[in-house]
Amino acid sequence: VVPLLATATGTPVAKRTWASAAACVLGTVLIVSSRTPSSDVGSAAFDEDDAADTTLGDGLILAGAAVWATFLLRISKHA
């Protein structure tokens, strides 16, 4: 999130930072795509309610990352 916001505000971003961000996105895609429903009939791991909770949690984490990125960019202007 930080490289995207930095680029949007006109701050230059190094190529290796973009490479690291791409590796993080790739890792996230691999983790998310590897989740499969359990074959256990009694398992509640992939219940609809749990899926909604997971989506809410993911949204909160993304919002927190955006706030942290904004903080880092704002504080770097004062440092």
C-alpha atoms as a PDB file:
ATOM      1  CA  VAL A   1       0.000   0.000   0.000  1.00  0.00           C
ATOM      2  CA  VAL A   2       2.850   2.393   0.806  1.00  0.00           C
ATOM      3  CA  PRO A   3       4.454   2.306  -2.681  1.00  0.00           C
ATOM      4  CA  LEU A   4       1.067   2.939  -4.296  1.00  0.00           C
ATOM      5  CA  LEU A   5       0.319   5.919  -2.074  1.00  0.00           C
ATOM      6  CA  ALA A   6       3.869   7.224  -2.432  1.00  0.00           C
ATOM      7  CA  THR A   7       3.598   7.130  -6.218  1.00  0.00           C
ATOM      8  CA  ALA A   8       0.198   8.800  -6.064  1.00  0.00           C
ATOM      9  CA  THR A   9       1.670  11.662  -4.040  1.00  0.00           C
ATOM     10  CA  GLY A  10       4.676  12.067  -6.343  1.00  0.00           C
ATOM     11  CA  THR A  11       7.298  10.443  -4.115  1.00  0.00           C
ATOM     12  CA  PRO A  12       9.787   8.342  -6.109  1.00  0.00           C
ATOM     13  CA  VAL A  13       9.783   4.622  -5.339  1.00  0.00           C
ATOM     14  CA  ALA A  14      12.809   2.373  -5.957  1.00  0.00           C
ATOM     15  CA  LYS A  15      12.529  -0.596  -8.313  1.00  0.00           C
ATOM     16  CA  ARG A  16      13.458  -3.034  -5.576  1.00  0.00           C
ATOM     17  CA  THR A  17      10.580  -1.699  -3.478  1.00  0.00           C
ATOM     18  CA  TRP A  18       8.200  -2.491  -6.340  1.00  0.00           C
ATOM     19  CA  ALA A  19       9.779  -5.956  -6.644  1.00  0.00           C
ATOM     20  CA  SER A  20       9.242  -6.553  -2.921  1.00  0.00           C
ATOM     21  CA  ALA A  21       5.631  -5.362  -3.160  1.00  0.00           C
ATOM     22  CA  ALA A  22       5.050  -7.693  -6.120  1.00  0.00           C
ATOM     23  CA  ALA A  23       6.501 -10.617  -4.137  1.00  0.00           C
ATOM     24  CA  CYS A  24       4.130  -9.823  -1.260  1.00  0.00           C
ATOM     25  CA  VAL A  25       1.134  -9.701  -3.589  1.00  0.00           C
ATOM     26  CA  LEU A  26       2.195 -12.987  -5.208  1.00  0.00           C
ATOM     27  CA  GLY A  27       2.541 -14.626  -1.786  1.00  0.00           C
ATOM     28  CA  THR A  28      -0.892 -13.394  -0.780  1.00  0.00           C
ATOM     29  CA  VAL A  29      -2.426 -14.731  -3.996  1.00  0.00           C
ATOM     30  CA  LEU A  30      -0.799 -18.118  -3.431  1.00  0.00           C
ATOM     31  CA  ILE A  31      -2.087 -18.321   0.139  1.00  0.00           C
ATOM     32  CA  VAL A  32      -5.622 -17.271  -0.760  1.00  0.00           C
ATOM     33  CA  SER A  33      -5.825 -19.539  -3.805  1.00  0.00           C
ATOM     34  CA  SER A  34      -4.581 -22.562  -1.838  1.00  0.00           C
ATOM     35  CA  ARG A  35      -7.489 -22.459   0.628  1.00  0.00           C
ATOM     36  CA  THR A  36      -9.947 -25.212  -0.126  1.00  0.00           C
ATOM     37  CA  PRO A  37     -13.054 -26.258   1.753  1.00  0.00           C
ATOM     38  CA  SER A  38     -12.487 -29.049   4.201  1.00  0.00           C
ATOM     39  CA  SER A  39     -13.828 -32.464   3.245  1.00  0.00           C
ATOM     40  CA  ASP A  40     -15.011 -32.910   6.835  1.00  0.00           C
ATOM     41  CA  VAL A  41     -18.825 -32.760   6.938  1.00  0.00           C
ATOM     42  CA  GLY A  42     -18.837 -31.504  10.529  1.00  0.00           C
ATOM     43  CA  SER A  43     -16.251 -28.825   9.893  1.00  0.00           C
ATOM     44  CA  ALA A  44     -17.373 -25.226  10.184  1.00  0.00           C
ATOM     45  CA  ALA A  45     -14.140 -23.863   8.713  1.00  0.00           C
ATOM     46  CA  PHE A  46     -15.834 -22.601   5.568  1.00  0.00           C
ATOM     47  CA  ASP A  47     -19.266 -21.743   6.893  1.00  0.00           C
ATOM     48  CA  GLU A  48     -21.015 -18.759   5.299  1.00  0.00           C
ATOM     49  CA  ASP A  49     -20.885 -16.850   8.590  1.00  0.00           C
ATOM     50  CA  ASP A  50     -17.173 -17.556   8.912  1.00  0.00           C
ATOM     51  CA  ALA A  51     -16.622 -16.376   5.334  1.00  0.00           C
ATOM     52  CA  ALA A  52     -18.380 -13.090   6.147  1.00  0.00           C
ATOM     53  CA  ASP A  53     -16.234 -12.708   9.273  1.00  0.00           C
ATOM     54  CA  THR A  54     -13.109 -13.401   7.216  1.00  0.00           C
ATOM     55  CA  THR A  55     -14.116 -10.771   4.671  1.00  0.00           C
ATOM     56  CA  LEU A  56     -14.729  -8.256   7.442  1.00  0.00           C
ATOM     57  CA  GLY A  57     -11.373  -9.073   8.993  1.00  0.00           C
ATOM     58  CA  ASP A  58      -9.596  -8.736   5.647  1.00  0.00           C
ATOM     59  CA  GLY A  59     -11.270  -5.373   5.097  1.00  0.00           C
ATOM     60  CA  LEU A  60     -10.189  -4.145   8.515  1.00  0.00           C
ATOM     61  CA  ILE A  61      -6.610  -5.254   7.872  1.00  0.00           C
ATOM     62  CA  LEU A  62      -6.610  -3.473   4.507  1.00  0.00           C
ATOM     63  CA  ALA A  63      -8.002  -0.311   6.108  1.00  0.00           C
ATOM     64  CA  GLY A  64      -5.333  -0.499   8.800  1.00  0.00           C
ATOM     65  CA  ALA A  65      -2.625  -0.889   6.145  1.00  0.00           C
ATOM     66  CA  ALA A  66      -3.928   2.193   4.326  1.00  0.00           C
ATOM     67  CA  VAL A  67      -3.907   4.231   7.551  1.00  0.00           C
ATOM     68  CA  TRP A  68      -0.386   3.043   8.391  1.00  0.00           C
ATOM     69  CA  ALA A  69       0.824   3.891   4.867  1.00  0.00           C
ATOM     70  CA  THR A  70      -0.644   7.368   5.166  1.00  0.00           C
ATOM     71  CA  PHE A  71       1.060   7.795   8.539  1.00  0.00           C
ATOM     72  CA  LEU A  72       4.429   6.721   7.128  1.00  0.00           C
ATOM     73  CA  LEU A  73       4.184   9.070   4.180  1.00  0.00           C
ATOM     74  CA  ARG A  74       3.072  12.016   6.313  1.00  0.00           C
ATOM     75  CA  ILE A  75       5.760  11.470   8.945  1.00  0.00           C
ATOM     76  CA  SER A  76       8.488  11.091   6.285  1.00  0.00           C
ATOM     77  CA  LYS A  77       7.776  14.637   5.104  1.00  0.00           C
ATOM     78  CA  HIS A  78       8.555  15.922   8.595  1.00  0.00           C
ATOM     79  CA  ALA A  79      11.692  13.842   9.137  1.00  0.00           C
END
